[in-house]
Amino acid sequence: MRIDPVIEQRLRVLAEATGRKQSFFLQRMIEEGIEAMEEIWLSPDTLAKVRNGDLPELLAAHSTTSDLFDLDATDAAL
């Protein structure tokens, strides 16, 4: 996962100042921000399915690859 170096530095300062791990804050940011992202990026039909817990149906319908921590070939060349 790539993030802006300034954001990474802010995350590091937050972790060091509080004695918590950076992963704690990343998890909190994801958990607290996922609903806002879903509302912006998902169609109303897909959003309703997600909110109703129909995730296996959605995941089976799409061949998805996690890009959260994996670099694809074009990223690796950069």
C-alpha atoms as a PDB file:
ATOM      1  CA  MET A   1       0.000   0.000   0.000  1.00  0.00           C
ATOM      2  CA  ARG A   2       1.388   3.370  -0.948  1.00  0.00           C
ATOM      3  CA  ILE A   3       0.548   6.529   0.905  1.00  0.00           C
ATOM      4  CA  ASP A   4       1.845  10.054   0.701  1.00  0.00           C
ATOM      5  CA  PRO A   5       5.077  10.369   2.745  1.00  0.00           C
ATOM      6  CA  VAL A   6       3.589  13.301   4.675  1.00  0.00           C
ATOM      7  CA  ILE A   7       0.602  11.167   5.710  1.00  0.00           C
ATOM      8  CA  GLU A   8       2.926   8.319   6.649  1.00  0.00           C
ATOM      9  CA  GLN A   9       4.953  10.703   8.806  1.00  0.00           C
ATOM     10  CA  ARG A  10       1.804  12.006  10.501  1.00  0.00           C
ATOM     11  CA  LEU A  11       0.729   8.430  11.207  1.00  0.00           C
ATOM     12  CA  ARG A  12       4.149   7.652  12.678  1.00  0.00           C
ATOM     13  CA  VAL A  13       3.998  10.726  14.950  1.00  0.00           C
ATOM     14  CA  LEU A  14       0.483   9.795  16.077  1.00  0.00           C
ATOM     15  CA  ALA A  15       1.613   6.261  16.913  1.00  0.00           C
ATOM     16  CA  GLU A  16       4.738   7.353  18.746  1.00  0.00           C
ATOM     17  CA  ALA A  17       2.962  10.101  20.692  1.00  0.00           C
ATOM     18  CA  THR A  18       0.246   7.725  21.891  1.00  0.00           C
ATOM     19  CA  GLY A  19       2.273   4.552  22.353  1.00  0.00           C
ATOM     20  CA  ARG A  20       0.022   2.662  19.958  1.00  0.00           C
ATOM     21  CA  LYS A  21       0.983   0.864  16.768  1.00  0.00           C
ATOM     22  CA  GLN A  22       0.445   2.437  13.373  1.00  0.00           C
ATOM     23  CA  SER A  23      -1.684  -0.575  12.451  1.00  0.00           C
ATOM     24  CA  PHE A  24      -4.117   0.319  15.256  1.00  0.00           C
ATOM     25  CA  PHE A  25      -4.769   3.711  13.694  1.00  0.00           C
ATOM     26  CA  LEU A  26      -4.939   2.325  10.160  1.00  0.00           C
ATOM     27  CA  GLN A  27      -7.529  -0.214  11.267  1.00  0.00           C
ATOM     28  CA  ARG A  28      -9.583   2.509  12.962  1.00  0.00           C
ATOM     29  CA  MET A  29      -9.408   4.724   9.863  1.00  0.00           C
ATOM     30  CA  ILE A  30     -10.573   1.891   7.635  1.00  0.00           C
ATOM     31  CA  GLU A  31     -13.379   0.808   9.951  1.00  0.00           C
ATOM     32  CA  GLU A  32     -14.637   4.340  10.492  1.00  0.00           C
ATOM     33  CA  GLY A  33     -14.288   5.408   6.850  1.00  0.00           C
ATOM     34  CA  ILE A  34     -15.549   2.368   4.929  1.00  0.00           C
ATOM     35  CA  GLU A  35     -19.219   3.382   5.097  1.00  0.00           C
ATOM     36  CA  ALA A  36     -18.497   6.822   3.644  1.00  0.00           C
ATOM     37  CA  MET A  37     -16.465   5.262   0.821  1.00  0.00           C
ATOM     38  CA  GLU A  38     -19.203   2.718   0.089  1.00  0.00           C
ATOM     39  CA  GLU A  39     -21.813   5.477  -0.136  1.00  0.00           C
ATOM     40  CA  ILE A  40     -19.657   7.443  -2.568  1.00  0.00           C
ATOM     41  CA  TRP A  41     -18.368   4.627  -4.784  1.00  0.00           C
ATOM     42  CA  LEU A  42     -21.019   1.880  -4.798  1.00  0.00           C
ATOM     43  CA  SER A  43     -24.262   1.906  -6.728  1.00  0.00           C
ATOM     44  CA  PRO A  44     -27.400   1.998  -4.575  1.00  0.00           C
ATOM     45  CA  ASP A  45     -28.142  -1.660  -5.450  1.00  0.00           C
ATOM     46  CA  THR A  46     -24.660  -2.849  -4.511  1.00  0.00           C
ATOM     47  CA  LEU A  47     -24.674  -0.731  -1.360  1.00  0.00           C
ATOM     48  CA  ALA A  48     -27.970  -2.305  -0.281  1.00  0.00           C
ATOM     49  CA  LYS A  49     -26.518  -5.792  -0.835  1.00  0.00           C
ATOM     50  CA  VAL A  50     -23.422  -4.951   1.203  1.00  0.00           C
ATOM     51  CA  ARG A  51     -25.492  -3.509   4.037  1.00  0.00           C
ATOM     52  CA  ASN A  52     -27.742  -6.617   3.975  1.00  0.00           C
ATOM     53  CA  GLY A  53     -24.715  -8.898   4.298  1.00  0.00           C
ATOM     54  CA  ASP A  54     -24.814 -10.322   0.775  1.00  0.00           C
ATOM     55  CA  LEU A  55     -21.019 -10.175   0.452  1.00  0.00           C
ATOM     56  CA  PRO A  56     -20.433 -13.803  -0.657  1.00  0.00           C
ATOM     57  CA  GLU A  57     -22.848 -13.238  -3.564  1.00  0.00           C
ATOM     58  CA  LEU A  58     -21.018 -10.061  -4.594  1.00  0.00           C
ATOM     59  CA  LEU A  59     -17.562 -11.576  -4.289  1.00  0.00           C
ATOM     60  CA  ALA A  60     -18.537 -14.672  -6.288  1.00  0.00           C
ATOM     61  CA  ALA A  61     -19.941 -12.509  -9.070  1.00  0.00           C
ATOM     62  CA  HIS A  62     -16.686 -10.592  -9.569  1.00  0.00           C
ATOM     63  CA  SER A  63     -13.199 -11.890  -9.987  1.00  0.00           C
ATOM     64  CA  THR A  64     -11.347  -9.553  -7.673  1.00  0.00           C
ATOM     65  CA  THR A  65      -7.742  -9.372  -6.633  1.00  0.00           C
ATOM     66  CA  SER A  66      -6.671  -7.590  -3.518  1.00  0.00           C
ATOM     67  CA  ASP A  67      -4.330  -4.740  -4.331  1.00  0.00           C
ATOM     68  CA  LEU A  68      -4.003  -3.513  -0.778  1.00  0.00           C
ATOM     69  CA  PHE A  69      -0.507  -4.838  -0.170  1.00  0.00           C
ATOM     70  CA  ASP A  70       0.358  -6.484  -3.476  1.00  0.00           C
ATOM     71  CA  LEU A  71       2.141  -4.757  -6.286  1.00  0.00           C
ATOM     72  CA  ASP A  72       1.163  -5.702  -9.798  1.00  0.00           C
ATOM     73  CA  ALA A  73       3.726  -5.969 -12.562  1.00  0.00           C
ATOM     74  CA  THR A  74       3.402  -2.311 -13.579  1.00  0.00           C
ATOM     75  CA  ASP A  75       3.856  -1.135  -9.985  1.00  0.00           C
ATOM     76  CA  ALA A  76       6.876  -3.369  -9.466  1.00  0.00           C
ATOM     77  CA  ALA A  77       8.579  -1.810 -12.498  1.00  0.00           C
ATOM     78  CA  LEU A  78       8.260   1.718 -11.092  1.00  0.00           C
END
